[in-house]
């Protein structure tokens, strides 16, 4: 990186319906769609043994969605700067001596 300028790469912005998979586990309430988050928890904080993401997106517009997962997803989405939501959102920064 001997140049004066370089780019910091960020993950691309994804809409809510393309960011999380639906959580699956035996202990989750049937008929409620939870978003699989990190550390084997749903976005609303539920942790069940053997929980995993499914092969399907968690779709926040569905009627069976967990309200607390939706609220957490909205908070996370609101933190993403509007100016950084483009496909090629990169920032050039000067290297400090």
N, C-alpha and C. Protein backbone atom coordinates (compact mmCIF):
# COMPACT_ATOMS: atom_id res chain seq x y z
N UNK A 1 0.83 -1.19 0.00
CA UNK A 1 0.00 0.00 0.00
C UNK A 1 0.87 1.25 0.00
N UNK A 2 1.80 1.34 -0.89
CA UNK A 2 2.72 2.46 -0.90
C UNK A 2 2.13 3.76 -1.40
N UNK A 3 0.90 3.75 -1.90
CA UNK A 3 0.29 4.97 -2.41
C UNK A 3 -0.18 5.87 -1.27
N UNK A 4 -0.40 7.12 -1.64
CA UNK A 4 -0.88 8.08 -0.65
C UNK A 4 -2.34 7.83 -0.30
N UNK A 5 -3.14 7.32 -1.25
CA UNK A 5 -4.56 7.10 -1.04
C UNK A 5 -4.87 5.60 -1.14
N UNK A 6 -5.81 5.18 -0.40
CA UNK A 6 -6.31 3.82 -0.53
C UNK A 6 -7.79 3.83 -0.17
N UNK A 7 -8.47 2.76 -0.47
CA UNK A 7 -9.90 2.69 -0.20
C UNK A 7 -10.19 1.71 0.92
N UNK A 8 -11.13 2.08 1.75
CA UNK A 8 -11.63 1.18 2.79
C UNK A 8 -12.89 0.54 2.24
N UNK A 9 -12.90 -0.75 2.19
CA UNK A 9 -14.04 -1.47 1.64
C UNK A 9 -15.02 -1.80 2.76
N UNK A 10 -16.28 -1.55 2.52
CA UNK A 10 -17.34 -1.88 3.47
C UNK A 10 -18.26 -2.91 2.83
N UNK A 11 -18.93 -3.72 3.65
CA UNK A 11 -19.92 -4.62 3.05
C UNK A 11 -21.03 -3.79 2.40
N UNK A 12 -21.59 -4.31 1.35
CA UNK A 12 -22.67 -3.59 0.67
C UNK A 12 -23.92 -3.56 1.53
N UNK A 13 -24.67 -2.50 1.40
CA UNK A 13 -25.94 -2.38 2.10
C UNK A 13 -26.93 -3.38 1.49
N UNK A 14 -27.64 -4.07 2.36
CA UNK A 14 -28.69 -4.97 1.91
C UNK A 14 -29.99 -4.59 2.60
N UNK A 15 -31.11 -4.61 1.88
CA UNK A 15 -32.40 -4.34 2.52
C UNK A 15 -32.71 -5.41 3.57
N UNK A 16 -33.62 -5.09 4.48
CA UNK A 16 -33.94 -5.99 5.59
C UNK A 16 -34.28 -7.40 5.14
N UNK A 17 -35.01 -7.54 4.06
CA UNK A 17 -35.43 -8.85 3.61
C UNK A 17 -34.33 -9.69 2.96
N UNK A 18 -33.13 -9.13 2.87
CA UNK A 18 -32.00 -9.86 2.29
C UNK A 18 -30.80 -9.90 3.23
N UNK A 19 -31.01 -9.56 4.48
CA UNK A 19 -29.89 -9.46 5.41
C UNK A 19 -29.82 -10.62 6.40
N UNK A 20 -30.96 -11.18 6.75
CA UNK A 20 -30.98 -12.25 7.75
C UNK A 20 -31.74 -13.46 7.24
N UNK A 21 -31.31 -14.64 7.70
CA UNK A 21 -32.04 -15.86 7.42
C UNK A 21 -33.04 -16.10 8.54
N UNK A 22 -34.03 -16.88 8.25
CA UNK A 22 -35.01 -17.27 9.27
C UNK A 22 -34.35 -18.25 10.23
N UNK A 23 -34.56 -18.08 11.52
CA UNK A 23 -34.00 -18.97 12.54
C UNK A 23 -34.85 -20.23 12.64
N UNK A 24 -34.17 -21.36 12.81
CA UNK A 24 -34.88 -22.63 13.02
C UNK A 24 -34.30 -23.32 14.25
N UNK A 25 -35.19 -23.82 15.09
CA UNK A 25 -34.82 -24.58 16.29
C UNK A 25 -36.07 -25.23 16.84
N UNK A 26 -35.90 -26.36 17.48
CA UNK A 26 -37.04 -27.07 18.06
C UNK A 26 -37.76 -26.25 19.11
N UNK A 27 -37.06 -25.41 19.87
CA UNK A 27 -37.66 -24.67 20.97
C UNK A 27 -38.35 -23.37 20.59
N UNK A 28 -38.28 -22.97 19.34
CA UNK A 28 -38.93 -21.72 18.93
C UNK A 28 -40.43 -21.93 18.79
N UNK A 29 -41.19 -20.92 19.10
CA UNK A 29 -42.64 -20.98 19.00
C UNK A 29 -43.05 -21.18 17.54
N UNK A 30 -43.91 -22.16 17.32
CA UNK A 30 -44.40 -22.42 15.96
C UNK A 30 -45.26 -21.25 15.50
N UNK A 31 -45.15 -20.91 14.24
CA UNK A 31 -45.97 -19.85 13.67
C UNK A 31 -45.41 -18.45 13.87
N UNK A 32 -44.20 -18.33 14.43
CA UNK A 32 -43.55 -17.03 14.60
C UNK A 32 -42.20 -17.09 13.89
N UNK A 33 -41.96 -16.14 13.01
CA UNK A 33 -40.74 -16.09 12.22
C UNK A 33 -39.72 -15.19 12.89
N UNK A 34 -38.61 -15.79 13.34
CA UNK A 34 -37.52 -15.06 13.98
C UNK A 34 -36.35 -14.93 13.03
N UNK A 35 -35.61 -13.82 13.15
CA UNK A 35 -34.40 -13.61 12.36
C UNK A 35 -33.21 -14.19 13.10
N UNK A 36 -32.40 -14.99 12.39
CA UNK A 36 -31.19 -15.54 12.98
C UNK A 36 -30.14 -14.45 13.00
N UNK A 37 -29.67 -14.11 14.19
CA UNK A 37 -28.69 -13.04 14.34
C UNK A 37 -27.27 -13.57 14.44
N UNK A 38 -26.57 -13.19 15.49
CA UNK A 38 -25.21 -13.65 15.71
C UNK A 38 -25.14 -14.38 17.04
N UNK A 39 -24.08 -15.11 17.23
CA UNK A 39 -23.85 -15.87 18.47
C UNK A 39 -24.99 -16.82 18.76
N UNK A 40 -25.55 -17.42 17.70
CA UNK A 40 -26.63 -18.41 17.82
C UNK A 40 -27.84 -17.87 18.57
N UNK A 41 -28.18 -16.63 18.32
CA UNK A 41 -29.36 -15.99 18.92
C UNK A 41 -30.19 -15.36 17.81
N UNK A 42 -31.46 -15.19 18.12
CA UNK A 42 -32.32 -14.44 17.22
C UNK A 42 -32.04 -12.95 17.45
N UNK A 43 -32.53 -12.10 16.57
CA UNK A 43 -32.35 -10.67 16.77
C UNK A 43 -33.02 -10.19 18.05
N UNK A 44 -34.07 -10.89 18.49
CA UNK A 44 -34.75 -10.49 19.73
C UNK A 44 -34.10 -11.11 20.97
N UNK A 45 -33.05 -11.92 20.78
CA UNK A 45 -32.29 -12.42 21.92
C UNK A 45 -32.56 -13.85 22.35
N UNK A 46 -33.43 -14.57 21.67
CA UNK A 46 -33.71 -15.95 22.04
C UNK A 46 -32.53 -16.83 21.64
N UNK A 47 -32.14 -17.71 22.56
CA UNK A 47 -31.07 -18.66 22.26
C UNK A 47 -31.59 -20.06 22.57
N UNK A 48 -31.55 -20.92 21.59
CA UNK A 48 -32.01 -22.30 21.74
C UNK A 48 -30.89 -23.24 21.31
N UNK A 49 -30.78 -24.36 21.98
CA UNK A 49 -29.81 -25.37 21.59
C UNK A 49 -30.10 -25.85 20.17
N UNK A 50 -29.07 -25.90 19.37
CA UNK A 50 -29.23 -26.38 18.00
C UNK A 50 -29.83 -25.38 17.03
N UNK A 51 -29.99 -24.13 17.44
CA UNK A 51 -30.55 -23.13 16.53
C UNK A 51 -29.58 -22.90 15.37
N UNK A 52 -30.15 -22.70 14.20
CA UNK A 52 -29.34 -22.42 13.02
C UNK A 52 -30.14 -21.56 12.05
N UNK A 53 -29.44 -20.96 11.09
CA UNK A 53 -30.17 -20.23 10.05
C UNK A 53 -30.76 -21.23 9.07
N UNK A 54 -31.91 -20.92 8.55
CA UNK A 54 -32.51 -21.80 7.54
C UNK A 54 -31.96 -21.43 6.17
N UNK A 55 -32.43 -22.10 5.16
CA UNK A 55 -32.04 -21.78 3.79
C UNK A 55 -32.92 -20.69 3.20
N UNK A 56 -33.75 -20.06 4.03
CA UNK A 56 -34.71 -19.07 3.56
C UNK A 56 -34.48 -17.73 4.26
N UNK A 57 -34.73 -16.65 3.52
CA UNK A 57 -34.61 -15.32 4.10
C UNK A 57 -35.67 -15.10 5.17
N UNK A 58 -35.32 -14.29 6.16
CA UNK A 58 -36.30 -13.81 7.13
C UNK A 58 -36.95 -12.59 6.48
N UNK A 59 -38.24 -12.65 6.28
CA UNK A 59 -38.95 -11.59 5.56
C UNK A 59 -39.75 -10.74 6.55
N UNK A 60 -39.27 -9.54 6.86
CA UNK A 60 -39.88 -8.72 7.90
C UNK A 60 -41.29 -8.22 7.58
N UNK A 61 -41.71 -8.30 6.32
CA UNK A 61 -43.05 -7.82 5.97
C UNK A 61 -44.13 -8.88 6.17
N UNK A 62 -43.76 -10.10 6.51
CA UNK A 62 -44.75 -11.16 6.69
C UNK A 62 -45.55 -10.97 7.97
N UNK A 63 -46.75 -11.48 8.00
CA UNK A 63 -47.62 -11.33 9.17
C UNK A 63 -47.13 -12.11 10.38
N UNK A 64 -46.40 -13.21 10.17
CA UNK A 64 -45.97 -14.04 11.29
C UNK A 64 -44.62 -13.62 11.89
N UNK A 65 -44.10 -12.47 11.49
CA UNK A 65 -42.79 -12.03 11.95
C UNK A 65 -42.81 -11.66 13.44
N UNK A 66 -41.74 -11.97 14.14
CA UNK A 66 -41.58 -11.58 15.54
C UNK A 66 -41.42 -10.06 15.60
N UNK A 67 -42.26 -9.40 16.37
CA UNK A 67 -42.22 -7.94 16.47
C UNK A 67 -40.91 -7.43 17.05
N UNK A 68 -40.36 -8.14 18.03
CA UNK A 68 -39.10 -7.72 18.64
C UNK A 68 -37.93 -7.87 17.66
N UNK A 69 -37.95 -8.93 16.84
CA UNK A 69 -36.92 -9.09 15.81
C UNK A 69 -37.03 -7.95 14.80
N UNK A 70 -38.25 -7.59 14.43
CA UNK A 70 -38.47 -6.50 13.48
C UNK A 70 -37.96 -5.17 14.05
N UNK A 71 -38.24 -4.92 15.33
CA UNK A 71 -37.76 -3.69 15.97
C UNK A 71 -36.23 -3.64 15.97
N UNK A 72 -35.59 -4.76 16.32
CA UNK A 72 -34.12 -4.81 16.33
C UNK A 72 -33.57 -4.61 14.91
N UNK A 73 -34.19 -5.21 13.92
CA UNK A 73 -33.76 -5.05 12.54
C UNK A 73 -33.87 -3.60 12.10
N UNK A 74 -34.94 -2.93 12.50
CA UNK A 74 -35.12 -1.52 12.16
C UNK A 74 -34.04 -0.65 12.80
N UNK A 75 -33.71 -0.93 14.05
CA UNK A 75 -32.66 -0.17 14.75
C UNK A 75 -31.32 -0.35 14.03
N UNK A 76 -31.00 -1.59 13.69
CA UNK A 76 -29.75 -1.88 12.99
C UNK A 76 -29.74 -1.18 11.63
N UNK A 77 -30.83 -1.26 10.91
CA UNK A 77 -30.92 -0.63 9.59
C UNK A 77 -30.79 0.89 9.68
N UNK A 78 -31.39 1.49 10.70
CA UNK A 78 -31.31 2.94 10.86
C UNK A 78 -29.89 3.42 11.14
N UNK A 79 -29.03 2.55 11.65
CA UNK A 79 -27.64 2.93 11.95
C UNK A 79 -26.78 3.00 10.68
N UNK A 80 -27.23 2.40 9.60
CA UNK A 80 -26.46 2.41 8.36
C UNK A 80 -26.61 3.78 7.70
N UNK A 81 -25.54 4.52 7.54
CA UNK A 81 -25.66 5.87 6.97
C UNK A 81 -26.29 5.84 5.57
N UNK A 82 -27.21 6.75 5.33
CA UNK A 82 -27.88 6.82 4.04
C UNK A 82 -26.88 6.99 2.89
N UNK A 83 -25.84 7.77 3.11
CA UNK A 83 -24.85 8.02 2.07
C UNK A 83 -24.02 6.79 1.74
N UNK A 84 -24.04 5.78 2.63
CA UNK A 84 -23.22 4.58 2.42
C UNK A 84 -24.06 3.39 1.98
N UNK A 85 -25.24 3.63 1.44
CA UNK A 85 -26.12 2.54 1.03
C UNK A 85 -26.00 2.17 -0.43
N UNK A 86 -25.13 2.82 -1.18
CA UNK A 86 -24.94 2.48 -2.58
C UNK A 86 -24.12 1.21 -2.73
N UNK A 87 -24.19 0.61 -3.90
CA UNK A 87 -23.47 -0.63 -4.16
C UNK A 87 -21.96 -0.49 -4.02
N UNK A 88 -21.44 0.66 -4.40
CA UNK A 88 -19.99 0.86 -4.36
C UNK A 88 -19.59 1.88 -3.30
N UNK A 89 -20.19 1.79 -2.13
CA UNK A 89 -19.90 2.75 -1.06
C UNK A 89 -18.51 2.48 -0.49
N UNK A 90 -17.59 3.31 -0.88
CA UNK A 90 -16.22 3.22 -0.38
C UNK A 90 -15.77 4.62 0.01
N UNK A 91 -14.79 4.69 0.87
CA UNK A 91 -14.28 5.98 1.33
C UNK A 91 -12.78 5.99 1.08
N UNK A 92 -12.29 7.03 0.43
CA UNK A 92 -10.85 7.20 0.27
C UNK A 92 -10.34 8.01 1.44
N UNK A 93 -9.26 7.54 2.01
CA UNK A 93 -8.68 8.24 3.15
C UNK A 93 -7.20 8.43 2.91
N UNK A 94 -6.65 9.50 3.47
CA UNK A 94 -5.22 9.76 3.33
C UNK A 94 -4.45 8.93 4.36
N UNK A 95 -3.34 8.36 3.89
CA UNK A 95 -2.47 7.62 4.79
C UNK A 95 -1.77 8.61 5.70
N UNK A 96 -1.73 8.30 6.96
CA UNK A 96 -1.05 9.20 7.92
C UNK A 96 0.40 8.76 8.08
N UNK A 97 1.29 9.75 8.08
CA UNK A 97 2.72 9.42 8.21
C UNK A 97 3.06 8.84 9.56
